[in-house]
Amino acid sequence: MRTLLQALVALLLPVLFLAAAAPARAAADHVYDFEDGTTQGWSPRGDGVSVAATTGAAHGGAASLLVTGRTANWHGASLAAPFVKGVTYRVSAYVRLAAGQPAATIALTVQRTPAGGETTYERVAAATVTDGAWVRLAGAYLFTADSTDLQLYAESDDATGRYHLDDVVLAPQGDPTREPIAADFEDGTAQDWSPRASAALAATAEAAHGGTRSLAVTGRSASWDGPALNVLGRLGKGDKYDVSVWVRLGAGVDSGRLGLSIERRTAGTPSYEQIVPPTDVPAGEWVRLAGAYTLSRDVDFLSLYVESDTGTFPFHLDDFALTYVAPKPIQTDIPALKDRLPFTLGSALTRPDTFGVHGELLARHFNGITPGNELKWDATEPREGEYAFADADDLVAFGERHGMTIRGHTLAWHSQTPAWVFEGADKQTLLNRLESHVRTLVTRYKGRIAAWDVVNEVVDENQPDGLRRSPWYEITGLDFIRTAFRVAHEADPAAKLFINDYNTEFPRKREALYALVKRLKAEGVPIHGVGHQLHLNIEQPPASSVEDTIERFAGLGVQQQVTELDVSVYTDFVSSYDPIPGELIAEQGHRYKELFDVFRRQAAHLTSVTVWGESDDVSWLNTWPINRLNAPLLFDRDLQAKPAYWGVADPSKLPPRVRRLEAPAGEIVLDGKRDQQWDLLPDAPIARVGEVSAGFQARTTAAGMYVLAEVADRSVSAADRVTFTVDGVARTVTRLGGHKAAARPTPTGYRVEALVPKGTDVDVTVRDGGTAVSWTGKVTPAPAVKLTTAAHRAPVLDGVAEPAWRAAPEIRTGTWIQGASGATATVRSLWSGSTLYVLAQVTDPALSEESPNAWEQDSVEIFVDPGNGKTKGYTDDDGQYRISFSGRLTVGGTFDAAGVKDNLRAVTRTVPGGYVVEAAIALPTATLRPGTLLGFDVQVNDATGAARTAAVTWNDATGRSYLDTSHWGVLRLA
C-alpha cells in the first residue's frame, strides 16, 4: 500500500505531458460512461473506498461513477489500464465534486512497475474541481519500458472528498509527433493549459479571436508566469513544427509585450528557448505570435508557454496551433555551391540545423560552419567557472564529420555576456575573468576550431577615438582586446584570430577599424585577420563599397573573411511584406551576383565567406529588428534554391532584373562637365565587369531626356562608347562625344552627357573592347529636386529670428502628405563649423500635445543626410530631428538612432498664431564647407486634440521621410 508521501509526490510530479482537446472517438477507443449501471471495470483504491454507478449526477447521459469513503489522498477509483508499451494514448475524463464538498485538486495518475525497477507514479492530468460544474481532465500517456501492474486511478488532495467521474476516454494514437495540437477554448475549459506558477487560467467570453471564448490569464506572479502547455512526446527530435497563438492584453492594460517560448529539461537541467521574442501588443488588438521550432535534444520535460518581457499584466490567448512541417527533399540536381567558389563557403548554424534535410543541405553546399550562439559567453559560461559545452561540442563534431572548417564565434563581445562578468570588477579582475574564459574555450577546441572571432563589434565610429564604450572598454581600455588575442594565441598558436565587426563597408567605420587594427598590429598583438559581417539589404550599400573595404584592408597584410552575410529584402526597419513580392526576390538574386563577383575578384584577399544561416526559415532577420517575413539567404523556407542561389552558382539562370529610376525635371548644359544638377542625386550604379564600371542618371525636360554616364575605364580607346537605348531607339556616344552629346575625360575614365528622346524603357550599355556593362530598367519622370541654400552664420539659439537669419533664403512647406490644409512653416538655414542651424516659423493657431505619440503632436521635423546619399533607408548618420511646439525633442534614425541621438539642440517659443523653432544639429560625420550638399527636408505636423490631422513637407511627397531619404530635397552650404 502506498504511503501518504508517495501519494503527495504523485500529485505534485508532472512527469508526462498534457495534450490538446481529444478528437472524435475512434472504434479502438476505450470508453467508460457508466450508462449500463455498472462500474465498467473501475474498482476501489484504498481500504473503505466505495465506487458505484449513480444517476445522482452525470456529465453525459444519465449516470456517472460516485467515489466515496476515502480517507487518504491516494484513495479513489482505479482501473486496470489497457495501455500498451510504445503507444501514446489521449486520456480524458470529466470530474465533479459531490454536493457540499469544498474545492479540491483531482488528478489522473498511472501506477506501473518497470521490469527490474521500482514502482512509479506518473501524472497524466489534474485540475481544480468544485461541486458546481463538471471539469475536464485531459492529457496523454506513453510508456516505453516493459512494465507490470498498470493502473490508472483518480485521486484528490482532499483526503476525504467525494467526487463523480464520467465519460472517461482512453484513445490510442498513431505517431503523436505528427498530430497537430490545437486549442480554442470553445468548450469552456482551459483545454490542458496550466499555469507555470500562480497564474489563474479560465476560459472566458469577455474576448475572443475566433468563436466566442478565449483563455483569460490573470494573477501572474512574474513575467515568466502564465499559461503553459506540456508537449513532451508530441515533438519528434529533429522535426520542425509551426507554432502560433493569438494574444491580446487584458482589460485596462495600455501596453505590453508578449512572446512564445519553450522550456526543455534533460536530466533535470532546464533550458529556455524563444520561439517568438516578446512582441508589442497594442491595447484592444489581437496579435499573432507565430514561429517555428525544432527539438534538438532528448528531453524529459517539454513545455510551451506565453510570457511577457516585463510586468505581470493580465492577457488573453486564443486559437493555438502546433503543426508538424513535413520536410521537402533538398535538390540534388543542382551544383554544390562550395564547388563553385575559390574560397571556403560557410554557414552559421544552431543544433537543430544539423538534423534532417537541414543537415543534408549544409553538408551538400557548405564546407565551413560557424556556431551562431553556442560558443558565446552566455552559452558557455553562464556562471563563473561553470562551463556548458554540450551544444558547442555537437556542432564542432558535426563540422568534423563533414570535413568542414569551423569558426569560433565569439570570445569577447559587449552583448550576450552574463552580468556577473562585469559585476564588482576592477580592471585586473575583469582581465583575469577574460583570460580564464578565453583560455578554457580555445584550449578545449585546440586543433579543431580553425579561426576565432576573438573580439566582436568593438568599434564605434561616432566616438572620437572610434571605440565602443562597452563595459569592457570602460573598465580596461584597449587591454581587453590585447589580452583576448594574446591568450587565444597562447592557447592555440595554429588558430587564426580575427577582429570582427559590422558596417565595415561604410567609410567611417572602415577607417576606424583600419586604424585600430594597424595600431594593435604595430604593438605586436597577434591579430591575423579582419572579419566583415556584411548584413546588407537589396539596395544598400553598393557592392563597390564592399570592394573598397576589402582593398583597403589588403594593405595591412591580414587575412579577411566575410563572416555574417545576409541580404534583407527590406531597406528600413518598419516595412513588412506577406508575401514578399517576386520582383524583390529576383532583385536579391542579382544583388548576390554582384557581391560574389566582388568576392571572386578579391579571392586573393578572402579566405572564407560565411552566410548567416543556410535558409530563410532559420534567419535571425525573421525576428530582428521586428517580427516580419524576411528572405535574406540563398535557400527558401523549404530549402529550395532561390534566385539568390543562382546569383552565386550560375548567374545565367537569374530571372530578368526590373530596375527603376526616377528622372526629375532639370536643365543640363551639354558640355561634359558635371553640373550641380547631377550632384543633387547619386548615380545609379552599373555593375562592374573586370576594371570597367559606370553610374547613370537622367533628367527630364521639355526637349527630351538628358542622360549621364560616369564611366570608370582607365584604358583609353577610340572604340570606348556608351549606348543609350530608349524605347528601342539607340543613341551611341563615343569617348569623343557627338551630336547633342558631350564627353570629357575624368581621373578614372570619362563622362558622357546626351539629350535623347523621352521614354520609359531604357538600356545603358558601356563598352570597352569586348567588355560591356549595362543598366536596363524603367525610367519615369518626377518633379524637380528642390534646392535651397544655408548661409554661413552662427545664430544665438534663443528662439528669436535675429538679423543673422536674413542672410539665408526662405523656403516654405507646401507638399501635403496628409490633408490639404493646416499648419505650415517658413524655414531658413545657417551653418557654422560642424553645425547646421534651422529656423522654422510655424503658422498654427491651435496647438496640442495630447497624443502620446510624438509624431501626432504639433511639431516640426528636420531631416538631414550629411552624405546626401538618397538611399531607400537610413544610414547610420542620417537623422530625423523632431521638435514639438513646447520644445520636446525626439530623434529618429537607422534602427535605434544611436549615431545621431545626441546631435540635436533646440529652443521653441510660442507666438501669436503659431510658434518658432530654432534648432542646432551637430553633423560630426561630415566636413562642412562651402558647396557641400546635404540631403534635407522639413515637415510640419498639425495636431487637433490627440490626432494628427495634417502634415506638410518642403520636398518629399511620399510620406516616407521617416524611413527613406531618397526623396528629400537638397541643402547647399553657401
Foldseek 3Di string as FASTA:
>chain_A
DDDLVQLVCLVPDAQAFFFFDDDDADPPKDKQACQVFARSQKDWDDPQKDWGWDQPDHDPDRIWIKIARFQGQPTFIKHQDPDDAPWKKKKKKKKAFAPPDAKWKKWKWKWKAFVVGGIDIHTAFIDIHYNPDIAMTIGMDHHHGDIDDIMITMGIPPRGTMMTMGTIIIHTDDQLQADKTKDFCPVFHPRQKDKPPPWDWTWDQPDHPPDRTWIKTADADWQQITIKGWCVSNHDALFKKKKKKKKAFDPPDAKFWKFKKKWFADPRDIDIGTQAPTAIHGHPDIDMHIGMDHHHDDTSTMMMDMGTPGDRGMMTMGTIMMHTDDADAEDPPAAQLCVQAPFFEEEEDWRSCCGDRSVVNCLRHGQEYEDPPCQEQCNAPVDQPDGDCPRVVVVLVSNVVSNHAYEYPALEELPSHHPVLLPPDAQVSNLVSSLVRLLVVLLVCAPRHQEYQYYEAQADLLDPLRGDPGSNCVRHNCVSVLSSQVSSCVSHVRHAYEHEYEPCLPVSNVVSVLVVVLVVVVVVRRHAEYEYAAAEELFDDALVSVLVSLVVCVVVNHAYEHAEHWYKLDQAQDDADVVDDPLSLLSLLLRLLLNVVSCRVSVVRYNYYYYHHAFQSPDPVCPPPHNHRIGTHQAYPSRYGTSNVCSSRPPVPRDDHADEAEAAADDDDAAQDDDVLNVLADFCWWRDDDQKTWGKHWHDDPQAIKIKIDIQDPDDDQPWWKWKAAPRRIDIATCCGDVQKYKDADPRGIMMMHGDHYHFWIKIWTDDPPDIIMDTHTYHYDHRFDEFEAEADDDDFAQDPDPVQVVGDKFKWQQWQFDRDAKIWIKTWYDYFQKIKMKTFIQHQDFDDQAPDQLFGFKKWKWKAQQSHLFFFFDLQTKIWIAHQQGDIDIATHPRSVSFGPFKDWDKAADHRGIMIMMMGGRVVHGDDAFRKMQIKMKTFGHDRRGTRIMTMRWDNPVCVRTTSNTGHIYGYD
